[in-house]
Amino acid sequence: MEYSPKKMQENLTDHQFYFKKNYGQNFIIDKNIINKIVQASDIDSDTIVIEVGPGAGSLTLGLAHSAKQVQCYEIDQTLQPILDENLKSVDNVIIYYEDFLKSNPMKHLKDQTYSKLYVIGNLPYYITTPIIIKIIEEQLPVDKMIVMVQKEVGDRFKATPGTRDYGSLTVFLNYYYETRKLLDVSRNVFLPKPNVDSIVVEFSRKKELLPLENETFFFQFVRDCFKQKRKNLRNNLKAYDLEQMEISLKQAGYSLQDRAEKLSLEAFVQVANEYVRKKENV
């Protein structure tokens, strides 16, 4: 399989494939970018990779040469003959033609032995957040995520308290993962060419997590805090015991007049834990 716009287009034309806007399809065609992603990912022969959205298989092939196995989820079944042809040189790729958001990845992993589980993908804008939320909420035992996303989405992942891009997803990711940018990606390495540039972001699972009194409460609390980002906490937390919430916030150095974007991960954890402890003792 050759990585060039011409060869990719010829391959897609031969199979009468057309790009579908509703799937946000932009396929990688630059071999250097693929090599950089694979090398930076630290994949080895004991790693199983879940790839969401393999497209025409250009990144998939690079991953397969380093990983024990690559399990792909592709929603567009018209890509099957293209992927069959492009990946015929490797025997460690399994493709599930289904929606990853409706899938059960653990079912496909249950009979596998591996030391590391990575999620890697070139993710369309519309599905990036739902995929990450699914991984977090279903507690998939993912050691690392490496995702290529539009730059504005990547900025949200890396956002710090007090900035416009800081939100509940940032807090959730920071709770479980260490986040770092791996590389910038020009829009010119995709077919078709998107209107924006992208970045590759790595999320490495933390070895030690901050202790939570009630994990379910914590994540709902964070969501509620950011319900209306321009509103203060008093407006967003009307369903809570505001008197007790004010006490919990003050102990962390904040108040109900503050906006959620002001609180750090550690502050969210402290406030949630204190609130739960006080309510349980009432």
C-alpha atoms as a PDB file:
ATOM      1  CA  MET A   1       0.000   0.000   0.000  1.00  0.00           C
ATOM      2  CA  GLU A   2       1.444   3.375  -1.022  1.00  0.00           C
ATOM      3  CA  TYR A   3       0.848   6.617   0.839  1.00  0.00           C
ATOM      4  CA  SER A   4       0.088   9.367  -1.670  1.00  0.00           C
ATOM      5  CA  PRO A   5      -2.983  11.353  -2.656  1.00  0.00           C
ATOM      6  CA  LYS A   6      -2.819   9.912  -6.161  1.00  0.00           C
ATOM      7  CA  LYS A   7      -2.581   6.259  -5.102  1.00  0.00           C
ATOM      8  CA  MET A   8      -5.218   6.732  -2.407  1.00  0.00           C
ATOM      9  CA  GLN A   9      -7.624   8.374  -4.838  1.00  0.00           C
ATOM     10  CA  GLU A  10      -7.024   5.672  -7.449  1.00  0.00           C
ATOM     11  CA  ASN A  11      -7.692   2.991  -4.866  1.00  0.00           C
ATOM     12  CA  LEU A  12     -10.923   4.640  -3.717  1.00  0.00           C
ATOM     13  CA  THR A  13     -12.070   5.281  -7.293  1.00  0.00           C
ATOM     14  CA  ASP A  14     -11.436   1.667  -8.288  1.00  0.00           C
ATOM     15  CA  HIS A  15     -13.818   0.610  -5.528  1.00  0.00           C
ATOM     16  CA  GLN A  16     -16.350   3.321  -6.396  1.00  0.00           C
ATOM     17  CA  PHE A  17     -16.006   4.800  -2.917  1.00  0.00           C
ATOM     18  CA  TYR A  18     -17.224   8.276  -2.081  1.00  0.00           C
ATOM     19  CA  PHE A  19     -16.549  10.267   1.087  1.00  0.00           C
ATOM     20  CA  LYS A  20     -19.488  10.719   3.427  1.00  0.00           C
ATOM     21  CA  LYS A  21     -19.727  14.058   5.202  1.00  0.00           C
ATOM     22  CA  ASN A  22     -21.947  12.661   7.941  1.00  0.00           C
ATOM     23  CA  TYR A  23     -19.047  10.413   9.024  1.00  0.00           C
ATOM     24  CA  GLY A  24     -16.491  13.225   8.952  1.00  0.00           C
ATOM     25  CA  GLN A  25     -14.161  11.172   6.739  1.00  0.00           C
ATOM     26  CA  ASN A  26     -10.662  12.550   6.138  1.00  0.00           C
ATOM     27  CA  PHE A  27      -8.066   9.840   5.449  1.00  0.00           C
ATOM     28  CA  ILE A  28      -4.362  10.190   6.298  1.00  0.00           C
ATOM     29  CA  ILE A  29      -2.111  10.009   3.245  1.00  0.00           C
ATOM     30  CA  ASP A  30       1.268  11.041   4.660  1.00  0.00           C
ATOM     31  CA  LYS A  31       3.634   8.204   5.571  1.00  0.00           C
ATOM     32  CA  ASN A  32       5.834  10.455   7.746  1.00  0.00           C
ATOM     33  CA  ILE A  33       2.901  11.385   9.986  1.00  0.00           C
ATOM     34  CA  ILE A  34       1.900   7.734  10.290  1.00  0.00           C
ATOM     35  CA  ASN A  35       5.449   6.746  11.265  1.00  0.00           C
ATOM     36  CA  LYS A  36       5.639   9.554  13.832  1.00  0.00           C
ATOM     37  CA  ILE A  37       2.379   8.462  15.466  1.00  0.00           C
ATOM     38  CA  VAL A  38       3.432   4.812  15.635  1.00  0.00           C
ATOM     39  CA  GLN A  39       6.894   5.635  17.012  1.00  0.00           C
ATOM     40  CA  ALA A  40       5.560   8.088  19.593  1.00  0.00           C
ATOM     41  CA  SER A  41       2.921   5.594  20.731  1.00  0.00           C
ATOM     42  CA  ASP A  42       5.485   3.129  22.133  1.00  0.00           C
ATOM     43  CA  ILE A  43       3.574   0.104  20.804  1.00  0.00           C
ATOM     44  CA  ASP A  44       5.174  -3.320  21.155  1.00  0.00           C
ATOM     45  CA  SER A  45       4.364  -6.979  20.538  1.00  0.00           C
ATOM     46  CA  ASP A  46       2.364  -7.214  23.789  1.00  0.00           C
ATOM     47  CA  THR A  47       0.110  -4.270  22.909  1.00  0.00           C
ATOM     48  CA  ILE A  48      -3.438  -4.574  21.607  1.00  0.00           C
ATOM     49  CA  VAL A  49      -4.587  -1.469  19.799  1.00  0.00           C
ATOM     50  CA  ILE A  50      -8.213  -0.453  19.388  1.00  0.00           C
ATOM     51  CA  GLU A  51      -8.426   1.811  16.361  1.00  0.00           C
ATOM     52  CA  VAL A  52     -11.602   3.804  15.959  1.00  0.00           C
ATOM     53  CA  GLY A  53     -12.245   4.710  12.328  1.00  0.00           C
ATOM     54  CA  PRO A  54      -9.482   3.049  10.268  1.00  0.00           C
ATOM     55  CA  GLY A  55     -10.717   4.681   7.053  1.00  0.00           C
ATOM     56  CA  ALA A  56      -8.696   3.225   4.175  1.00  0.00           C
ATOM     57  CA  GLY A  57      -6.244   1.538   6.569  1.00  0.00           C
ATOM     58  CA  SER A  58      -3.139   3.682   6.156  1.00  0.00           C
ATOM     59  CA  LEU A  59      -2.557   4.167   9.906  1.00  0.00           C
ATOM     60  CA  THR A  60      -3.867   0.655  10.589  1.00  0.00           C
ATOM     61  CA  LEU A  61      -1.067  -0.881   8.541  1.00  0.00           C
ATOM     62  CA  GLY A  62       1.562   1.079  10.436  1.00  0.00           C
ATOM     63  CA  LEU A  63       0.068   0.008  13.774  1.00  0.00           C
ATOM     64  CA  ALA A  64      -0.144  -3.642  12.693  1.00  0.00           C
ATOM     65  CA  HIS A  65       3.601  -3.788  12.013  1.00  0.00           C
ATOM     66  CA  SER A  66       4.316  -2.975  15.680  1.00  0.00           C
ATOM     67  CA  ALA A  67       1.344  -4.253  17.709  1.00  0.00           C
ATOM     68  CA  LYS A  68       0.290  -7.720  18.762  1.00  0.00           C
ATOM     69  CA  GLN A  69      -3.162  -7.074  17.338  1.00  0.00           C
ATOM     70  CA  VAL A  70      -5.204  -4.180  15.988  1.00  0.00           C
ATOM     71  CA  GLN A  71      -8.953  -4.279  16.566  1.00  0.00           C
ATOM     72  CA  CYS A  72     -10.673  -1.738  14.329  1.00  0.00           C
ATOM     73  CA  TYR A  73     -14.175  -0.311  14.518  1.00  0.00           C
ATOM     74  CA  GLU A  74     -15.480   1.064  11.235  1.00  0.00           C
ATOM     75  CA  ILE A  75     -19.036   2.304  10.840  1.00  0.00           C
ATOM     76  CA  ASP A  76     -18.862   2.620   7.034  1.00  0.00           C
ATOM     77  CA  GLN A  77     -19.296  -0.860   5.589  1.00  0.00           C
ATOM     78  CA  THR A  78     -18.573   0.350   2.040  1.00  0.00           C
ATOM     79  CA  LEU A  79     -14.909   0.502   3.100  1.00  0.00           C
ATOM     80  CA  GLN A  80     -14.695  -3.273   3.541  1.00  0.00           C
ATOM     81  CA  PRO A  81     -13.312  -4.163   0.067  1.00  0.00           C
ATOM     82  CA  ILE A  82     -10.787  -1.302   0.332  1.00  0.00           C
ATOM     83  CA  LEU A  83      -9.592  -2.401   3.759  1.00  0.00           C
ATOM     84  CA  ASP A  84      -9.468  -6.049   2.672  1.00  0.00           C
ATOM     85  CA  GLU A  85      -7.151  -5.086  -0.166  1.00  0.00           C
ATOM     86  CA  ASN A  86      -4.992  -2.579   1.708  1.00  0.00           C
ATOM     87  CA  LEU A  87      -4.460  -4.819   4.740  1.00  0.00           C
ATOM     88  CA  LYS A  88      -3.978  -8.164   2.991  1.00  0.00           C
ATOM     89  CA  SER A  89      -0.263  -8.162   3.868  1.00  0.00           C
ATOM     90  CA  VAL A  90      -0.938  -8.402   7.642  1.00  0.00           C
ATOM     91  CA  ASP A  91      -2.765 -11.061   9.621  1.00  0.00           C
ATOM     92  CA  ASN A  92      -3.122  -9.357  13.013  1.00  0.00           C
ATOM     93  CA  VAL A  93      -5.917  -6.926  12.146  1.00  0.00           C
ATOM     94  CA  ILE A  94      -9.565  -7.574  13.008  1.00  0.00           C
ATOM     95  CA  ILE A  95     -12.189  -5.180  11.705  1.00  0.00           C
ATOM     96  CA  TYR A  96     -15.624  -4.875  13.276  1.00  0.00           C
ATOM     97  CA  TYR A  97     -17.997  -3.061  10.963  1.00  0.00           C
ATOM     98  CA  GLU A  98     -20.044  -1.444  13.688  1.00  0.00           C
ATOM     99  CA  ASP A  99     -20.503   1.824  15.539  1.00  0.00           C
ATOM    100  CA  PHE A 100     -17.888   2.000  18.294  1.00  0.00           C
ATOM    101  CA  LEU A 101     -20.299   3.963  20.484  1.00  0.00           C
ATOM    102  CA  LYS A 102     -22.740   1.028  20.411  1.00  0.00           C
ATOM    103  CA  SER A 103     -20.086  -1.679  20.635  1.00  0.00           C
ATOM    104  CA  ASN A 104     -18.869  -3.830  23.501  1.00  0.00           C
ATOM    105  CA  PRO A 105     -15.053  -3.748  23.242  1.00  0.00           C
ATOM    106  CA  MET A 106     -14.580  -5.954  26.311  1.00  0.00           C
ATOM    107  CA  LYS A 107     -16.424  -8.773  24.540  1.00  0.00           C
ATOM    108  CA  HIS A 108     -13.789  -8.725  21.811  1.00  0.00           C
ATOM    109  CA  LEU A 109     -10.935  -8.536  24.322  1.00  0.00           C
ATOM    110  CA  LYS A 110     -12.034 -11.215  26.787  1.00  0.00           C
ATOM    111  CA  ASP A 111     -10.104 -14.106  25.194  1.00  0.00           C
ATOM    112  CA  GLN A 112      -6.988 -12.057  24.418  1.00  0.00           C
ATOM    113  CA  THR A 113      -3.770 -11.859  26.417  1.00  0.00           C
ATOM    114  CA  TYR A 114      -1.874  -8.584  26.398  1.00  0.00           C
ATOM    115  CA  SER A 115       0.104  -6.316  28.688  1.00  0.00           C
ATOM    116  CA  LYS A 116      -1.024  -2.968  27.274  1.00  0.00           C
ATOM    117  CA  LEU A 117      -4.247  -1.735  25.715  1.00  0.00           C
ATOM    118  CA  TYR A 118      -4.160   1.417  23.604  1.00  0.00           C
ATOM    119  CA  VAL A 119      -6.893   3.324  21.808  1.00  0.00           C
ATOM    120  CA  ILE A 120      -5.644   5.097  18.696  1.00  0.00           C
ATOM    121  CA  GLY A 121      -7.592   6.919  16.035  1.00  0.00           C
ATOM    122  CA  ASN A 122      -8.013   9.793  13.650  1.00  0.00           C
ATOM    123  CA  LEU A 123     -11.284  10.991  15.127  1.00  0.00           C
ATOM    124  CA  PRO A 124     -13.912  13.122  13.371  1.00  0.00           C
ATOM    125  CA  TYR A 125     -14.968  16.233  15.282  1.00  0.00           C
ATOM    126  CA  TYR A 126     -18.540  15.104  15.894  1.00  0.00           C
ATOM    127  CA  ILE A 127     -17.583  11.843  17.611  1.00  0.00           C
ATOM    128  CA  THR A 128     -14.418  12.730  19.537  1.00  0.00           C
ATOM    129  CA  THR A 129     -16.021  13.601  22.877  1.00  0.00           C
ATOM    130  CA  PRO A 130     -18.568  10.720  22.887  1.00  0.00           C
ATOM    131  CA  ILE A 131     -15.775   8.200  22.244  1.00  0.00           C
ATOM    132  CA  ILE A 132     -13.670   9.475  25.129  1.00  0.00           C
ATOM    133  CA  ILE A 133     -16.675   9.646  27.454  1.00  0.00           C
ATOM    134  CA  LYS A 134     -17.552   6.037  26.543  1.00  0.00           C
ATOM    135  CA  ILE A 135     -14.025   4.871  27.419  1.00  0.00           C
ATOM    136  CA  ILE A 136     -14.155   6.698  30.755  1.00  0.00           C
ATOM    137  CA  GLU A 137     -17.699   5.768  31.768  1.00  0.00           C
ATOM    138  CA  GLU A 138     -17.402   2.106  30.784  1.00  0.00           C
ATOM    139  CA  GLN A 139     -14.046   1.973  32.594  1.00  0.00           C
ATOM    140  CA  LEU A 140     -12.273   0.264  29.723  1.00  0.00           C
ATOM    141  CA  PRO A 141      -8.786  -0.764  30.943  1.00  0.00           C
ATOM    142  CA  VAL A 142      -7.052   1.543  28.479  1.00  0.00           C
ATOM    143  CA  ASP A 143      -3.436   2.358  29.329  1.00  0.00           C
ATOM    144  CA  LYS A 144      -3.056   5.039  26.703  1.00  0.00           C
ATOM    145  CA  MET A 145      -5.113   6.934  24.144  1.00  0.00           C
ATOM    146  CA  ILE A 146      -3.494   8.581  21.139  1.00  0.00           C
ATOM    147  CA  VAL A 147      -6.009  10.563  19.141  1.00  0.00           C
ATOM    148  CA  MET A 148      -5.718  12.866  16.162  1.00  0.00           C
ATOM    149  CA  VAL A 149      -8.320  15.593  16.462  1.00  0.00           C
ATOM    150  CA  GLN A 150      -9.064  19.050  15.142  1.00  0.00           C
ATOM    151  CA  LYS A 151      -6.826  21.595  16.818  1.00  0.00           C
ATOM    152  CA  GLU A 152      -9.678  23.350  18.631  1.00  0.00           C
ATOM    153  CA  VAL A 153     -10.747  20.053  20.211  1.00  0.00           C
ATOM    154  CA  GLY A 154      -7.172  19.320  21.266  1.00  0.00           C
ATOM    155  CA  ASP A 155      -6.968  22.747  22.882  1.00  0.00           C
ATOM    156  CA  ARG A 156      -9.958  21.813  25.025  1.00  0.00           C
ATOM    157  CA  PHE A 157      -8.264  18.596  26.140  1.00  0.00           C
ATOM    158  CA  LYS A 158      -5.162  20.501  27.249  1.00  0.00           C
ATOM    159  CA  ALA A 159      -7.000  23.479  28.773  1.00  0.00           C
ATOM    160  CA  THR A 160      -6.104  24.797  32.221  1.00  0.00           C
ATOM    161  CA  PRO A 161      -8.418  26.324  34.875  1.00  0.00           C
ATOM    162  CA  GLY A 162      -9.518  29.839  34.110  1.00  0.00           C
ATOM    163  CA  THR A 163      -9.354  29.480  30.328  1.00  0.00           C
ATOM    164  CA  ARG A 164     -12.228  29.486  27.826  1.00  0.00           C
ATOM    165  CA  ASP A 165     -11.628  25.880  26.702  1.00  0.00           C
ATOM    166  CA  TYR A 166     -11.663  24.424  30.228  1.00  0.00           C
ATOM    167  CA  GLY A 167     -14.733  22.247  30.832  1.00  0.00           C
ATOM    168  CA  SER A 168     -16.100  19.054  32.342  1.00  0.00           C
ATOM    169  CA  LEU A 169     -14.361  16.851  29.758  1.00  0.00           C
ATOM    170  CA  THR A 170     -11.038  18.449  30.682  1.00  0.00           C
ATOM    171  CA  VAL A 171     -11.656  17.613  34.346  1.00  0.00           C
ATOM    172  CA  PHE A 172     -12.645  14.015  33.579  1.00  0.00           C
ATOM    173  CA  LEU A 173      -9.560  13.463  31.427  1.00  0.00           C
ATOM    174  CA  ASN A 174      -7.270  15.086  34.001  1.00  0.00           C
ATOM    175  CA  TYR A 175      -8.664  12.810  36.677  1.00  0.00           C
ATOM    176  CA  TYR A 176      -7.652   9.628  34.854  1.00  0.00           C
ATOM    177  CA  TYR A 177      -4.870  10.653  32.465  1.00  0.00           C
ATOM    178  CA  GLU A 178      -1.730  12.679  31.985  1.00  0.00           C
ATOM    179  CA  THR A 179      -2.188  14.705  28.798  1.00  0.00           C
ATOM    180  CA  ARG A 180       0.428  15.905  26.342  1.00  0.00           C
ATOM    181  CA  LYS A 181       0.568  17.009  22.735  1.00  0.00           C
ATOM    182  CA  LEU A 182       2.599  14.737  20.481  1.00  0.00           C
ATOM    183  CA  LEU A 183       2.622  16.678  17.228  1.00  0.00           C
ATOM    184  CA  ASP A 184       0.881  19.202  15.018  1.00  0.00           C
ATOM    185  CA  VAL A 185      -0.653  17.896  11.811  1.00  0.00           C
ATOM    186  CA  SER A 186      -1.248  20.001   8.717  1.00  0.00           C
ATOM    187  CA  ARG A 187      -4.564  19.790   6.906  1.00  0.00           C
ATOM    188  CA  ASN A 188      -2.547  18.944   3.773  1.00  0.00           C
ATOM    189  CA  VAL A 189      -1.894  15.339   4.891  1.00  0.00           C
ATOM    190  CA  PHE A 190      -5.552  14.331   4.535  1.00  0.00           C
ATOM    191  CA  LEU A 191      -7.783  13.319   1.682  1.00  0.00           C
ATOM    192  CA  PRO A 192     -10.044  15.179   1.272  1.00  0.00           C
ATOM    193  CA  LYS A 193      -8.336  18.184   2.827  1.00  0.00           C
ATOM    194  CA  PRO A 194     -10.284  19.530   5.844  1.00  0.00           C
ATOM    195  CA  ASN A 195     -10.701  23.226   6.600  1.00  0.00           C
ATOM    196  CA  VAL A 196      -8.652  23.097   9.806  1.00  0.00           C
ATOM    197  CA  ASP A 197      -5.357  21.731  11.076  1.00  0.00           C
ATOM    198  CA  SER A 198      -5.158  18.894  13.592  1.00  0.00           C
ATOM    199  CA  ILE A 199      -3.027  17.785  16.515  1.00  0.00           C
ATOM    200  CA  VAL A 200      -2.182  14.397  17.977  1.00  0.00           C
ATOM    201  CA  VAL A 201      -2.795  14.202  21.723  1.00  0.00           C
ATOM    202  CA  GLU A 202      -1.680  11.442  24.085  1.00  0.00           C
ATOM    203  CA  PHE A 203      -3.504  10.448  27.268  1.00  0.00           C
ATOM    204  CA  SER A 204      -1.504   8.160  29.577  1.00  0.00           C
ATOM    205  CA  ARG A 205      -3.408   6.598  32.462  1.00  0.00           C
ATOM    206  CA  LYS A 206      -2.274   7.803  35.882  1.00  0.00           C
ATOM    207  CA  LYS A 207      -0.867   5.159  38.200  1.00  0.00           C
ATOM    208  CA  GLU A 208      -2.504   6.766  41.248  1.00  0.00           C
ATOM    209  CA  LEU A 209      -5.875   8.508  41.248  1.00  0.00           C
ATOM    210  CA  LEU A 210      -7.137  11.076  43.711  1.00  0.00           C
ATOM    211  CA  PRO A 211      -9.434   9.297  46.216  1.00  0.00           C
ATOM    212  CA  LEU A 212     -13.168   9.890  45.798  1.00  0.00           C
ATOM    213  CA  GLU A 213     -15.861   9.354  48.419  1.00  0.00           C
ATOM    214  CA  ASN A 214     -18.422   8.680  45.683  1.00  0.00           C
ATOM    215  CA  GLU A 215     -17.255   8.440  42.072  1.00  0.00           C
ATOM    216  CA  THR A 216     -20.752   8.591  40.577  1.00  0.00           C
ATOM    217  CA  PHE A 217     -21.526  11.748  42.538  1.00  0.00           C
ATOM    218  CA  PHE A 218     -18.215  13.345  41.558  1.00  0.00           C
ATOM    219  CA  PHE A 219     -18.771  13.026  37.822  1.00  0.00           C
ATOM    220  CA  GLN A 220     -22.390  14.219  38.029  1.00  0.00           C
ATOM    221  CA  PHE A 221     -21.299  17.127  40.228  1.00  0.00           C
ATOM    222  CA  VAL A 222     -18.660  18.213  37.714  1.00  0.00           C
ATOM    223  CA  ARG A 223     -21.165  18.024  34.845  1.00  0.00           C
ATOM    224  CA  ASP A 224     -23.649  20.129  36.803  1.00  0.00           C
ATOM    225  CA  CYS A 225     -21.008  22.722  37.653  1.00  0.00           C
ATOM    226  CA  PHE A 226     -20.403  23.310  33.931  1.00  0.00           C
ATOM    227  CA  LYS A 227     -24.085  23.028  32.922  1.00  0.00           C
ATOM    228  CA  GLN A 228     -24.104  26.663  31.827  1.00  0.00           C
ATOM    229  CA  LYS A 229     -20.485  27.747  31.554  1.00  0.00           C
ATOM    230  CA  ARG A 230     -21.161  31.478  31.808  1.00  0.00           C
ATOM    231  CA  LYS A 231     -23.271  31.064  34.944  1.00  0.00           C
ATOM    232  CA  ASN A 232     -21.808  30.898  38.438  1.00  0.00           C
ATOM    233  CA  LEU A 233     -21.951  27.817  40.632  1.00  0.00           C
ATOM    234  CA  ARG A 234     -24.998  29.057  42.553  1.00  0.00           C
ATOM    235  CA  ASN A 235     -27.032  29.072  39.339  1.00  0.00           C
ATOM    236  CA  ASN A 236     -25.755  25.698  38.150  1.00  0.00           C
ATOM    237  CA  LEU A 237     -26.125  23.876  41.471  1.00  0.00           C
ATOM    238  CA  LYS A 238     -29.672  24.848  42.469  1.00  0.00           C
ATOM    239  CA  ALA A 239     -30.593  21.170  42.868  1.00  0.00           C
ATOM    240  CA  TYR A 240     -27.987  20.797  45.638  1.00  0.00           C
ATOM    241  CA  ASP A 241     -27.996  21.850  49.301  1.00  0.00           C
ATOM    242  CA  LEU A 242     -26.541  25.296  48.629  1.00  0.00           C
ATOM    243  CA  GLU A 243     -25.829  26.023  52.270  1.00  0.00           C
ATOM    244  CA  GLN A 244     -23.719  22.885  52.558  1.00  0.00           C
ATOM    245  CA  MET A 245     -22.175  23.442  49.142  1.00  0.00           C
ATOM    246  CA  GLU A 246     -21.069  26.933  50.176  1.00  0.00           C
ATOM    247  CA  ILE A 247     -19.345  25.462  53.238  1.00  0.00           C
ATOM    248  CA  SER A 248     -17.618  22.803  51.125  1.00  0.00           C
ATOM    249  CA  LEU A 249     -16.490  25.386  48.558  1.00  0.00           C
ATOM    250  CA  LYS A 250     -15.154  27.764  51.214  1.00  0.00           C
ATOM    251  CA  GLN A 251     -12.978  25.013  52.659  1.00  0.00           C
ATOM    252  CA  ALA A 252     -11.355  24.709  49.233  1.00  0.00           C
ATOM    253  CA  GLY A 253     -10.993  28.478  48.855  1.00  0.00           C
ATOM    254  CA  TYR A 254     -13.975  29.137  46.554  1.00  0.00           C
ATOM    255  CA  SER A 255     -17.592  30.260  46.765  1.00  0.00           C
ATOM    256  CA  LEU A 256     -20.919  29.865  44.975  1.00  0.00           C
ATOM    257  CA  GLN A 257     -20.217  33.139  43.184  1.00  0.00           C
ATOM    258  CA  ASP A 258     -17.321  31.560  41.280  1.00  0.00           C
ATOM    259  CA  ARG A 259     -17.640  29.920  37.879  1.00  0.00           C
ATOM    260  CA  ALA A 260     -16.751  26.270  37.422  1.00  0.00           C
ATOM    261  CA  GLU A 261     -13.852  27.121  35.106  1.00  0.00           C
ATOM    262  CA  LYS A 262     -12.004  28.588  38.083  1.00  0.00           C
ATOM    263  CA  LEU A 263     -11.706  25.266  39.974  1.00  0.00           C
ATOM    264  CA  SER A 264      -8.800  22.881  39.495  1.00  0.00           C
ATOM    265  CA  LEU A 265      -9.197  19.104  39.420  1.00  0.00           C
ATOM    266  CA  GLU A 266      -7.976  18.934  43.000  1.00  0.00           C
ATOM    267  CA  ALA A 267     -10.564  21.523  44.059  1.00  0.00           C
ATOM    268  CA  PHE A 268     -13.413  19.610  42.403  1.00  0.00           C
ATOM    269  CA  VAL A 269     -12.319  16.438  44.209  1.00  0.00           C
ATOM    270  CA  GLN A 270     -12.012  18.217  47.573  1.00  0.00           C
ATOM    271  CA  VAL A 271     -15.410  19.925  47.297  1.00  0.00           C
ATOM    272  CA  ALA A 272     -17.203  16.767  46.133  1.00  0.00           C
ATOM    273  CA  ASN A 273     -15.665  14.645  48.892  1.00  0.00           C
ATOM    274  CA  GLU A 274     -16.455  17.199  51.587  1.00  0.00           C
ATOM    275  CA  TYR A 275     -20.036  17.602  50.393  1.00  0.00           C
ATOM    276  CA  VAL A 276     -20.609  13.823  50.361  1.00  0.00           C
ATOM    277  CA  ARG A 277     -19.110  13.379  53.827  1.00  0.00           C
ATOM    278  CA  LYS A 278     -21.244  16.148  55.309  1.00  0.00           C
ATOM    279  CA  LYS A 279     -24.457  14.893  53.719  1.00  0.00           C
ATOM    280  CA  GLU A 280     -23.811  11.346  54.878  1.00  0.00           C
ATOM    281  CA  ASN A 281     -23.383  12.569  58.457  1.00  0.00           C
ATOM    282  CA  VAL A 282     -26.567  14.597  58.492  1.00  0.00           C
END
